[in-house]
Amino acid sequence: MHFSNLTIGLPKDRPMFIRRRIFNSTINDYLKRKCKDAGIPVISIHGLRHTHASLLLFAGVSIASVSRRLGHSNITTTQQTYLHIIRELENKDNHKMMQFLATIL
């Protein structure tokens, strides 16, 4: 929600940061200033990418779809990077299974 406020008034048909050749540090510096202006915690572009992928996984999007979206060359990279989330989701699934099995016994 906070980040979306930073995009108000920006053209919807143009990239947010790209106007000329740009470097990752330039984008991160710009984002840092905008976060501080908005009074929200500072996050890097890579942090936004990681958060985006994590939210997709928690929303139930398949690891294969997230992997393709991130442009990983293979799904193993995604699985290794987000193993902590996969394990947390598996624990939730195990809890759901146990609750279900308890209702049929």
PDB file of N, CA and C in Angstrom:
ATOM      1  N   MET A   1       0.826  -1.191   0.000  1.00  0.00           N
ATOM      2  CA  MET A   1       0.000   0.000   0.000  1.00  0.00           C
ATOM      3  C   MET A   1       0.867   1.249   0.000  1.00  0.00           C
ATOM      4  N   HIS A   2       1.866   1.267   0.870  1.00  0.00           N
ATOM      5  CA  HIS A   2       2.712   2.450   0.962  1.00  0.00           C
ATOM      6  C   HIS A   2       3.454   2.704  -0.346  1.00  0.00           C
ATOM      7  N   PHE A   3       3.969   1.643  -0.934  1.00  0.00           N
ATOM      8  CA  PHE A   3       4.730   1.810  -2.158  1.00  0.00           C
ATOM      9  C   PHE A   3       3.844   2.300  -3.295  1.00  0.00           C
ATOM     10  N   SER A   4       2.599   1.836  -3.343  1.00  0.00           N
ATOM     11  CA  SER A   4       1.709   2.254  -4.428  1.00  0.00           C
ATOM     12  C   SER A   4       1.464   3.751  -4.401  1.00  0.00           C
ATOM     13  N   ASN A   5       1.520   4.367  -3.224  1.00  0.00           N
ATOM     14  CA  ASN A   5       1.357   5.825  -3.133  1.00  0.00           C
ATOM     15  C   ASN A   5       2.471   6.559  -3.866  1.00  0.00           C
ATOM     16  N   LEU A   6       3.639   5.934  -3.959  1.00  0.00           N
ATOM     17  CA  LEU A   6       4.759   6.564  -4.653  1.00  0.00           C
ATOM     18  C   LEU A   6       4.554   6.604  -6.162  1.00  0.00           C
ATOM     19  N   THR A   7       3.630   5.806  -6.673  1.00  0.00           N
ATOM     20  CA  THR A   7       3.416   5.736  -8.117  1.00  0.00           C
ATOM     21  C   THR A   7       2.264   6.616  -8.593  1.00  0.00           C
ATOM     22  N   ILE A   8       1.602   7.286  -7.676  1.00  0.00           N
ATOM     23  CA  ILE A   8       0.480   8.153  -8.058  1.00  0.00           C
ATOM     24  C   ILE A   8       0.989   9.249  -8.987  1.00  0.00           C
ATOM     25  N   GLY A   9       0.298   9.407 -10.098  1.00  0.00           N
ATOM     26  CA  GLY A   9       0.655  10.443 -11.058  1.00  0.00           C
ATOM     27  C   GLY A   9       1.684  10.026 -12.083  1.00  0.00           C
ATOM     28  N   LEU A  10       2.272   8.860 -11.930  1.00  0.00           N
ATOM     29  CA  LEU A  10       3.247   8.397 -12.925  1.00  0.00           C
ATOM     30  C   LEU A  10       2.507   7.792 -14.116  1.00  0.00           C
ATOM     31  N   PRO A  11       3.034   7.967 -15.319  1.00  0.00           N
ATOM     32  CA  PRO A  11       2.388   7.376 -16.500  1.00  0.00           C
ATOM     33  C   PRO A  11       2.317   5.862 -16.384  1.00  0.00           C
ATOM     34  N   LYS A  12       1.180   5.301 -16.726  1.00  0.00           N
ATOM     35  CA  LYS A  12       0.983   3.853 -16.606  1.00  0.00           C
ATOM     36  C   LYS A  12       1.675   3.079 -17.728  1.00  0.00           C
ATOM     37  N   ASP A  13       2.003   3.765 -18.831  1.00  0.00           N
ATOM     38  CA  ASP A  13       2.562   3.077 -19.987  1.00  0.00           C
ATOM     39  C   ASP A  13       4.077   3.212 -20.114  1.00  0.00           C
ATOM     40  N   ARG A  14       4.727   3.721 -19.051  1.00  0.00           N
ATOM     41  CA  ARG A  14       6.184   3.888 -19.094  1.00  0.00           C
ATOM     42  C   ARG A  14       6.814   3.263 -17.864  1.00  0.00           C
ATOM     43  N   PRO A  15       8.025   2.725 -18.009  1.00  0.00           N
ATOM     44  CA  PRO A  15       8.717   2.186 -16.831  1.00  0.00           C
ATOM     45  C   PRO A  15       8.900   3.273 -15.774  1.00  0.00           C
ATOM     46  N   MET A  16       8.894   2.874 -14.527  1.00  0.00           N
ATOM     47  CA  MET A  16       8.965   3.822 -13.432  1.00  0.00           C
ATOM     48  C   MET A  16      10.318   4.521 -13.331  1.00  0.00           C
ATOM     49  N   PHE A  17      11.405   3.813 -13.573  1.00  0.00           N
ATOM     50  CA  PHE A  17      12.726   4.355 -13.307  1.00  0.00           C
ATOM     51  C   PHE A  17      13.559   4.651 -14.549  1.00  0.00           C
ATOM     52  N   ILE A  18      13.227   4.068 -15.682  1.00  0.00           N
ATOM     53  CA  ILE A  18      14.134   4.122 -16.835  1.00  0.00           C
ATOM     54  C   ILE A  18      13.850   5.338 -17.708  1.00  0.00           C
ATOM     55  N   ARG A  19      14.821   6.213 -17.802  1.00  0.00           N
ATOM     56  CA  ARG A  19      14.763   7.376 -18.681  1.00  0.00           C
ATOM     57  C   ARG A  19      16.001   7.386 -19.598  1.00  0.00           C
ATOM     58  N   ARG A  20      17.058   6.765 -19.147  1.00  0.00           N
ATOM     59  CA  ARG A  20      18.328   6.676 -19.867  1.00  0.00           C
ATOM     60  C   ARG A  20      19.062   5.455 -19.305  1.00  0.00           C
ATOM     61  N   ARG A  21      20.288   5.236 -19.759  1.00  0.00           N
ATOM     62  CA  ARG A  21      21.051   4.124 -19.184  1.00  0.00           C
ATOM     63  C   ARG A  21      21.152   4.346 -17.685  1.00  0.00           C
ATOM     64  N   ILE A  22      20.856   3.311 -16.954  1.00  0.00           N
ATOM     65  CA  ILE A  22      20.751   3.469 -15.504  1.00  0.00           C
ATOM     66  C   ILE A  22      21.399   2.274 -14.814  1.00  0.00           C
ATOM     67  N   PHE A  23      21.880   2.503 -13.624  1.00  0.00           N
ATOM     68  CA  PHE A  23      22.558   1.467 -12.854  1.00  0.00           C
ATOM     69  C   PHE A  23      21.728   1.110 -11.628  1.00  0.00           C
ATOM     70  N   ASN A  24      21.926  -0.093 -11.132  1.00  0.00           N
ATOM     71  CA  ASN A  24      21.184  -0.571  -9.971  1.00  0.00           C
ATOM     72  C   ASN A  24      21.329   0.384  -8.784  1.00  0.00           C
ATOM     73  N   SER A  25      22.530   0.897  -8.577  1.00  0.00           N
ATOM     74  CA  SER A  25      22.747   1.807  -7.445  1.00  0.00           C
ATOM     75  C   SER A  25      21.946   3.093  -7.610  1.00  0.00           C
ATOM     76  N   THR A  26      21.769   3.561  -8.844  1.00  0.00           N
ATOM     77  CA  THR A  26      20.977   4.763  -9.096  1.00  0.00           C
ATOM     78  C   THR A  26      19.524   4.533  -8.711  1.00  0.00           C
ATOM     79  N   ILE A  27      19.007   3.390  -9.104  1.00  0.00           N
ATOM     80  CA  ILE A  27      17.617   3.057  -8.775  1.00  0.00           C
ATOM     81  C   ILE A  27      17.452   2.925  -7.263  1.00  0.00           C
ATOM     82  N   ASN A  28      18.388   2.247  -6.626  1.00  0.00           N
ATOM     83  CA  ASN A  28      18.297   2.065  -5.173  1.00  0.00           C
ATOM     84  C   ASN A  28      18.398   3.395  -4.430  1.00  0.00           C
ATOM     85  N   ASP A  29      19.252   4.295  -4.902  1.00  0.00           N
ATOM     86  CA  ASP A  29      19.356   5.621  -4.273  1.00  0.00           C
ATOM     87  C   ASP A  29      18.050   6.389  -4.417  1.00  0.00           C
ATOM     88  N   TYR A  30      17.462   6.336  -5.615  1.00  0.00           N
ATOM     89  CA  TYR A  30      16.189   7.015  -5.863  1.00  0.00           C
ATOM     90  C   TYR A  30      15.092   6.430  -4.978  1.00  0.00           C
ATOM     91  N   LEU A  31      15.011   5.108  -4.939  1.00  0.00           N
ATOM     92  CA  LEU A  31      13.999   4.437  -4.126  1.00  0.00           C
ATOM     93  C   LEU A  31      14.197   4.749  -2.648  1.00  0.00           C
ATOM     94  N   LYS A  32      15.440   4.813  -2.209  1.00  0.00           N
ATOM     95  CA  LYS A  32      15.742   5.144  -0.815  1.00  0.00           C
ATOM     96  C   LYS A  32      15.191   6.530  -0.461  1.00  0.00           C
ATOM     97  N   ARG A  33      15.425   7.506  -1.342  1.00  0.00           N
ATOM     98  CA  ARG A  33      14.901   8.862  -1.098  1.00  0.00           C
ATOM     99  C   ARG A  33      13.377   8.868  -1.044  1.00  0.00           C
ATOM    100  N   LYS A  34      12.752   8.145  -1.961  1.00  0.00           N
ATOM    101  CA  LYS A  34      11.288   8.096  -2.005  1.00  0.00           C
ATOM    102  C   LYS A  34      10.714   7.418  -0.767  1.00  0.00           C
ATOM    103  N   CYS A  35      11.361   6.359  -0.318  1.00  0.00           N
ATOM    104  CA  CYS A  35      10.909   5.680   0.903  1.00  0.00           C
ATOM    105  C   CYS A  35      11.016   6.612   2.098  1.00  0.00           C
ATOM    106  N   LYS A  36      12.134   7.319   2.197  1.00  0.00           N
ATOM    107  CA  LYS A  36      12.314   8.252   3.307  1.00  0.00           C
ATOM    108  C   LYS A  36      11.284   9.378   3.242  1.00  0.00           C
ATOM    109  N   ASP A  37      11.031   9.895   2.026  1.00  0.00           N
ATOM    110  CA  ASP A  37      10.013  10.938   1.851  1.00  0.00           C
ATOM    111  C   ASP A  37       8.634  10.460   2.292  1.00  0.00           C
ATOM    112  N   ALA A  38       8.351   9.178   2.030  1.00  0.00           N
ATOM    113  CA  ALA A  38       7.053   8.609   2.383  1.00  0.00           C
ATOM    114  C   ALA A  38       6.994   8.149   3.836  1.00  0.00           C
ATOM    115  N   GLY A  39       8.141   8.179   4.530  1.00  0.00           N
ATOM    116  CA  GLY A  39       8.171   7.767   5.925  1.00  0.00           C
ATOM    117  C   GLY A  39       7.994   6.266   6.107  1.00  0.00           C
ATOM    118  N   ILE A  40       8.472   5.499   5.138  1.00  0.00           N
ATOM    119  CA  ILE A  40       8.368   4.039   5.228  1.00  0.00           C
ATOM    120  C   ILE A  40       9.775   3.445   5.260  1.00  0.00           C
ATOM    121  N   PRO A  41       9.906   2.196   5.723  1.00  0.00           N
ATOM    122  CA  PRO A  41      11.234   1.578   5.759  1.00  0.00           C
ATOM    123  C   PRO A  41      11.861   1.524   4.364  1.00  0.00           C
ATOM    124  N   VAL A  42      13.145   1.729   4.324  1.00  0.00           N
ATOM    125  CA  VAL A  42      13.886   1.698   3.056  1.00  0.00           C
ATOM    126  C   VAL A  42      13.996   0.253   2.581  1.00  0.00           C
ATOM    127  N   ILE A  43      13.767   0.049   1.290  1.00  0.00           N
ATOM    128  CA  ILE A  43      13.898  -1.273   0.681  1.00  0.00           C
ATOM    129  C   ILE A  43      14.600  -1.098  -0.657  1.00  0.00           C
ATOM    130  N   SER A  44      15.375  -2.077  -1.041  1.00  0.00           N
ATOM    131  CA  SER A  44      16.080  -2.027  -2.329  1.00  0.00           C
ATOM    132  C   SER A  44      15.190  -2.625  -3.418  1.00  0.00           C
ATOM    133  N   ILE A  45      15.579  -2.416  -4.650  1.00  0.00           N
ATOM    134  CA  ILE A  45      14.865  -3.029  -5.763  1.00  0.00           C
ATOM    135  C   ILE A  45      14.907  -4.554  -5.627  1.00  0.00           C
ATOM    136  N   HIS A  46      16.047  -5.085  -5.243  1.00  0.00           N
ATOM    137  CA  HIS A  46      16.146  -6.536  -5.048  1.00  0.00           C
ATOM    138  C   HIS A  46      15.217  -6.984  -3.918  1.00  0.00           C
ATOM    139  N   GLY A  47      15.121  -6.167  -2.881  1.00  0.00           N
ATOM    140  CA  GLY A  47      14.206  -6.473  -1.786  1.00  0.00           C
ATOM    141  C   GLY A  47      12.759  -6.493  -2.251  1.00  0.00           C
ATOM    142  N   LEU A  48      12.398  -5.560  -3.142  1.00  0.00           N
ATOM    143  CA  LEU A  48      11.045  -5.561  -3.700  1.00  0.00           C
ATOM    144  C   LEU A  48      10.790  -6.816  -4.524  1.00  0.00           C
ATOM    145  N   ARG A  49      11.798  -7.222  -5.283  1.00  0.00           N
ATOM    146  CA  ARG A  49      11.687  -8.441  -6.099  1.00  0.00           C
ATOM    147  C   ARG A  49      11.459  -9.649  -5.197  1.00  0.00           C
ATOM    148  N   HIS A  50      12.235  -9.736  -4.119  1.00  0.00           N
ATOM    149  CA  HIS A  50      12.118 -10.854  -3.191  1.00  0.00           C
ATOM    150  C   HIS A  50      10.746 -10.833  -2.503  1.00  0.00           C
ATOM    151  N   THR A  51      10.312  -9.657  -2.083  1.00  0.00           N
ATOM    152  CA  THR A  51       9.002  -9.527  -1.444  1.00  0.00           C
ATOM    153  C   THR A  51       7.900  -9.934  -2.409  1.00  0.00           C
ATOM    154  N   HIS A  52       8.012  -9.478  -3.652  1.00  0.00           N
ATOM    155  CA  HIS A  52       7.026  -9.815  -4.676  1.00  0.00           C
ATOM    156  C   HIS A  52       6.901 -11.332  -4.829  1.00  0.00           C
ATOM    157  N   ALA A  53       8.034 -12.011  -4.964  1.00  0.00           N
ATOM    158  CA  ALA A  53       8.022 -13.462  -5.122  1.00  0.00           C
ATOM    159  C   ALA A  53       7.454 -14.143  -3.882  1.00  0.00           C
ATOM    160  N   SER A  54       7.823 -13.663  -2.712  1.00  0.00           N
ATOM    161  CA  SER A  54       7.323 -14.254  -1.468  1.00  0.00           C
ATOM    162  C   SER A  54       5.811 -14.118  -1.354  1.00  0.00           C
ATOM    163  N   LEU A  55       5.299 -12.946  -1.688  1.00  0.00           N
ATOM    164  CA  LEU A  55       3.851 -12.726  -1.623  1.00  0.00           C
ATOM    165  C   LEU A  55       3.114 -13.625  -2.610  1.00  0.00           C
ATOM    166  N   LEU A  56       3.695 -13.813  -3.789  1.00  0.00           N
ATOM    167  CA  LEU A  56       3.069 -14.712  -4.763  1.00  0.00           C
ATOM    168  C   LEU A  56       3.008 -16.132  -4.228  1.00  0.00           C
ATOM    169  N   LEU A  57       4.090 -16.592  -3.622  1.00  0.00           N
ATOM    170  CA  LEU A  57       4.104 -17.948  -3.063  1.00  0.00           C
ATOM    171  C   LEU A  57       3.080 -18.087  -1.945  1.00  0.00           C
ATOM    172  N   PHE A  58       3.012 -17.096  -1.050  1.00  0.00           N
ATOM    173  CA  PHE A  58       2.031 -17.155   0.036  1.00  0.00           C
ATOM    174  C   PHE A  58       0.603 -17.084  -0.485  1.00  0.00           C
ATOM    175  N   ALA A  59       0.408 -16.483  -1.670  1.00  0.00           N
ATOM    176  CA  ALA A  59      -0.924 -16.400  -2.272  1.00  0.00           C
ATOM    177  C   ALA A  59      -1.315 -17.698  -2.982  1.00  0.00           C
ATOM    178  N   GLY A  60      -0.371 -18.654  -3.035  1.00  0.00           N
ATOM    179  CA  GLY A  60      -0.681 -19.935  -3.634  1.00  0.00           C
ATOM    180  C   GLY A  60      -0.240 -20.083  -5.077  1.00  0.00           C
ATOM    181  N   VAL A  61       0.513 -19.121  -5.600  1.00  0.00           N
ATOM    182  CA  VAL A  61       1.038 -19.236  -6.957  1.00  0.00           C
ATOM    183  C   VAL A  61       2.110 -20.316  -6.959  1.00  0.00           C
ATOM    184  N   SER A  62       2.105 -21.139  -7.971  1.00  0.00           N
ATOM    185  CA  SER A  62       3.041 -22.265  -8.012  1.00  0.00           C
ATOM    186  C   SER A  62       4.488 -21.795  -8.097  1.00  0.00           C
ATOM    187  N   ILE A  63       5.363 -22.608  -7.560  1.00  0.00           N
ATOM    188  CA  ILE A  63       6.799 -22.303  -7.598  1.00  0.00           C
ATOM    189  C   ILE A  63       7.279 -22.215  -9.045  1.00  0.00           C
ATOM    190  N   ALA A  64       6.692 -23.017  -9.938  1.00  0.00           N
ATOM    191  CA  ALA A  64       7.083 -22.980 -11.356  1.00  0.00           C
ATOM    192  C   ALA A  64       6.728 -21.629 -11.975  1.00  0.00           C
ATOM    193  N   SER A  65       5.548 -21.111 -11.666  1.00  0.00           N
ATOM    194  CA  SER A  65       5.132 -19.814 -12.212  1.00  0.00           C
ATOM    195  C   SER A  65       5.990 -18.685 -11.657  1.00  0.00           C
ATOM    196  N   VAL A  66       6.280 -18.735 -10.372  1.00  0.00           N
ATOM    197  CA  VAL A  66       7.125 -17.710  -9.760  1.00  0.00           C
ATOM    198  C   VAL A  66       8.524 -17.763 -10.367  1.00  0.00           C
ATOM    199  N   SER A  67       9.031 -18.950 -10.563  1.00  0.00           N
ATOM    200  CA  SER A  67      10.358 -19.120 -11.152  1.00  0.00           C
ATOM    201  C   SER A  67      10.430 -18.490 -12.543  1.00  0.00           C
ATOM    202  N   ARG A  68       9.420 -18.766 -13.367  1.00  0.00           N
ATOM    203  CA  ARG A  68       9.383 -18.170 -14.712  1.00  0.00           C
ATOM    204  C   ARG A  68       9.280 -16.653 -14.632  1.00  0.00           C
ATOM    205  N   ARG A  69       8.442 -16.156 -13.729  1.00  0.00           N
ATOM    206  CA  ARG A  69       8.248 -14.708 -13.584  1.00  0.00           C
ATOM    207  C   ARG A  69       9.548 -14.009 -13.188  1.00  0.00           C
ATOM    208  N   LEU A  70      10.340 -14.664 -12.341  1.00  0.00           N
ATOM    209  CA  LEU A  70      11.609 -14.084 -11.899  1.00  0.00           C
ATOM    210  C   LEU A  70      12.710 -14.231 -12.944  1.00  0.00           C
ATOM    211  N   GLY A  71      12.475 -15.069 -13.940  1.00  0.00           N
ATOM    212  CA  GLY A  71      13.477 -15.277 -14.983  1.00  0.00           C
ATOM    213  C   GLY A  71      14.600 -16.211 -14.583  1.00  0.00           C
ATOM    214  N   HIS A  72      14.342 -17.042 -13.577  1.00  0.00           N
ATOM    215  CA  HIS A  72      15.353 -18.012 -13.170  1.00  0.00           C
ATOM    216  C   HIS A  72      15.541 -19.037 -14.277  1.00  0.00           C
ATOM    217  N   SER A  73      16.771 -19.448 -14.502  1.00  0.00           N
ATOM    218  CA  SER A  73      17.061 -20.398 -15.578  1.00  0.00           C
ATOM    219  C   SER A  73      16.500 -21.781 -15.286  1.00  0.00           C
ATOM    220  N   ASN A  74      16.348 -22.099 -13.998  1.00  0.00           N
ATOM    221  CA  ASN A  74      15.705 -23.362 -13.642  1.00  0.00           C
ATOM    222  C   ASN A  74      14.992 -23.217 -12.305  1.00  0.00           C
ATOM    223  N   ILE A  75      14.057 -24.098 -12.079  1.00  0.00           N
ATOM    224  CA  ILE A  75      13.210 -24.016 -10.890  1.00  0.00           C
ATOM    225  C   ILE A  75      13.992 -24.277  -9.602  1.00  0.00           C
ATOM    226  N   THR A  76      15.114 -24.980  -9.705  1.00  0.00           N
ATOM    227  CA  THR A  76      15.935 -25.279  -8.528  1.00  0.00           C
ATOM    228  C   THR A  76      16.438 -23.997  -7.874  1.00  0.00           C
ATOM    229  N   THR A  77      16.798 -23.025  -8.677  1.00  0.00           N
ATOM    230  CA  THR A  77      17.251 -21.732  -8.140  1.00  0.00           C
ATOM    231  C   THR A  77      16.154 -21.116  -7.269  1.00  0.00           C
ATOM    232  N   THR A  78      14.947 -21.136  -7.766  1.00  0.00           N
ATOM    233  CA  THR A  78      13.813 -20.565  -7.024  1.00  0.00           C
ATOM    234  C   THR A  78      13.553 -21.362  -5.758  1.00  0.00           C
ATOM    235  N   GLN A  79      13.585 -22.677  -5.872  1.00  0.00           N
ATOM    236  CA  GLN A  79      13.343 -23.528  -4.704  1.00  0.00           C
ATOM    237  C   GLN A  79      14.384 -23.286  -3.613  1.00  0.00           C
ATOM    238  N   GLN A  80      15.638 -23.148  -4.002  1.00  0.00           N
ATOM    239  CA  GLN A  80      16.700 -22.912  -3.017  1.00  0.00           C
ATOM    240  C   GLN A  80      16.564 -21.528  -2.391  1.00  0.00           C
ATOM    241  N   THR A  81      16.231 -20.536  -3.194  1.00  0.00           N
ATOM    242  CA  THR A  81      16.128 -19.160  -2.697  1.00  0.00           C
ATOM    243  C   THR A  81      14.958 -19.000  -1.734  1.00  0.00           C
ATOM    244  N   TYR A  82      13.845 -19.674  -2.031  1.00  0.00           N
ATOM    245  CA  TYR A  82      12.624 -19.496  -1.243  1.00  0.00           C
ATOM    246  C   TYR A  82      12.286 -20.720  -0.406  1.00  0.00           C
ATOM    247  N   LEU A  83      13.310 -21.511  -0.075  1.00  0.00           N
ATOM    248  CA  LEU A  83      13.099 -22.724   0.704  1.00  0.00           C
ATOM    249  C   LEU A  83      12.423 -22.433   2.041  1.00  0.00           C
ATOM    250  N   HIS A  84      12.781 -21.337   2.684  1.00  0.00           N
ATOM    251  CA  HIS A  84      12.180 -21.004   3.980  1.00  0.00           C
ATOM    252  C   HIS A  84      10.666 -20.784   3.844  1.00  0.00           C
ATOM    253  N   ILE A  85      10.245 -20.205   2.750  1.00  0.00           N
ATOM    254  CA  ILE A  85       8.815 -19.987   2.531  1.00  0.00           C
ATOM    255  C   ILE A  85       8.134 -21.304   2.172  1.00  0.00           C
ATOM    256  N   ILE A  86       8.769 -22.087   1.335  1.00  0.00           N
ATOM    257  CA  ILE A  86       8.217 -23.386   0.945  1.00  0.00           C
ATOM    258  C   ILE A  86       8.011 -24.253   2.180  1.00  0.00           C
ATOM    259  N   ARG A  87       8.976 -24.244   3.082  1.00  0.00           N
ATOM    260  CA  ARG A  87       8.849 -25.043   4.323  1.00  0.00           C
ATOM    261  C   ARG A  87       7.701 -24.526   5.194  1.00  0.00           C
ATOM    262  N   GLU A  88       7.564 -23.212   5.284  1.00  0.00           N
ATOM    263  CA  GLU A  88       6.473 -22.642   6.077  1.00  0.00           C
ATOM    264  C   GLU A  88       5.117 -23.019   5.478  1.00  0.00           C
ATOM    265  N   LEU A  89       5.009 -22.970   4.158  1.00  0.00           N
ATOM    266  CA  LEU A  89       3.766 -23.351   3.498  1.00  0.00           C
ATOM    267  C   LEU A  89       3.484 -24.837   3.686  1.00  0.00           C
ATOM    268  N   GLU A  90       4.534 -25.642   3.646  1.00  0.00           N
ATOM    269  CA  GLU A  90       4.367 -27.084   3.867  1.00  0.00           C
ATOM    270  C   GLU A  90       3.875 -27.354   5.293  1.00  0.00           C
ATOM    271  N   ASN A  91       4.401 -26.626   6.275  1.00  0.00           N
ATOM    272  CA  ASN A  91       3.932 -26.785   7.655  1.00  0.00           C
ATOM    273  C   ASN A  91       2.456 -26.429   7.772  1.00  0.00           C
ATOM    274  N   LYS A  92       2.042 -25.373   7.081  1.00  0.00           N
ATOM    275  CA  LYS A  92       0.619 -24.999   7.089  1.00  0.00           C
ATOM    276  C   LYS A  92      -0.222 -26.093   6.444  1.00  0.00           C
ATOM    277  N   ASP A  93       0.276 -26.653   5.339  1.00  0.00           N
ATOM    278  CA  ASP A  93      -0.440 -27.739   4.675  1.00  0.00           C
ATOM    279  C   ASP A  93      -0.556 -28.950   5.586  1.00  0.00           C
ATOM    280  N   ASN A  94       0.516 -29.279   6.283  1.00  0.00           N
ATOM    281  CA  ASN A  94       0.481 -30.421   7.216  1.00  0.00           C
ATOM    282  C   ASN A  94      -0.558 -30.193   8.298  1.00  0.00           C
ATOM    283  N   HIS A  95      -0.640 -28.987   8.800  1.00  0.00           N
ATOM    284  CA  HIS A  95      -1.636 -28.643   9.822  1.00  0.00           C
ATOM    285  C   HIS A  95      -3.050 -28.813   9.249  1.00  0.00           C
ATOM    286  N   LYS A  96      -3.263 -28.350   8.039  1.00  0.00           N
ATOM    287  CA  LYS A  96      -4.573 -28.496   7.394  1.00  0.00           C
ATOM    288  C   LYS A  96      -4.933 -29.971   7.223  1.00  0.00           C
ATOM    289  N   MET A  97      -3.958 -30.777   6.805  1.00  0.00           N
ATOM    290  CA  MET A  97      -4.213 -32.201   6.614  1.00  0.00           C
ATOM    291  C   MET A  97      -4.592 -32.873   7.925  1.00  0.00           C
ATOM    292  N   MET A  98      -3.873 -32.530   8.989  1.00  0.00           N
ATOM    293  CA  MET A  98      -4.174 -33.125  10.295  1.00  0.00           C
ATOM    294  C   MET A  98      -5.567 -32.707  10.774  1.00  0.00           C
ATOM    295  N   GLN A  99      -5.920 -31.465  10.551  1.00  0.00           N
ATOM    296  CA  GLN A  99      -7.265 -31.007  10.937  1.00  0.00           C
ATOM    297  C   GLN A  99      -8.331 -31.766  10.152  1.00  0.00           C
ATOM    298  N   PHE A 100      -8.098 -31.941   8.864  1.00  0.00           N
ATOM    299  CA  PHE A 100      -9.056 -32.667   8.033  1.00  0.00           C
ATOM    300  C   PHE A 100      -9.187 -34.118   8.489  1.00  0.00           C
ATOM    301  N   LEU A 101      -8.042 -34.768   8.679  1.00  0.00           N
ATOM    302  CA  LEU A 101      -8.075 -36.172   9.088  1.00  0.00           C
ATOM    303  C   LEU A 101      -8.766 -36.351  10.441  1.00  0.00           C
ATOM    304  N   ALA A 102      -8.629 -35.380  11.314  1.00  0.00           N
ATOM    305  CA  ALA A 102      -9.283 -35.455  12.618  1.00  0.00           C
ATOM    306  C   ALA A 102     -10.802 -35.427  12.477  1.00  0.00           C
ATOM    307  N   THR A 103     -11.295 -34.779  11.429  1.00  0.00           N
ATOM    308  CA  THR A 103     -12.758 -34.704  11.243  1.00  0.00           C
ATOM    309  C   THR A 103     -13.350 -35.995  10.681  1.00  0.00           C
ATOM    310  N   ILE A 104     -12.541 -36.815  10.043  1.00  0.00           N
ATOM    311  CA  ILE A 104     -13.093 -38.045   9.448  1.00  0.00           C
ATOM    312  C   ILE A 104     -12.849 -39.286  10.300  1.00  0.00           C
ATOM    313  N   LEU A 105     -12.139 -39.144  11.380  1.00  0.00           N
ATOM    314  CA  LEU A 105     -11.875 -40.312  12.239  1.00  0.00           C
ATOM    315  C   LEU A 105     -12.934 -40.487  13.279  1.00  0.00           C
TER     316      LEU A 105
END
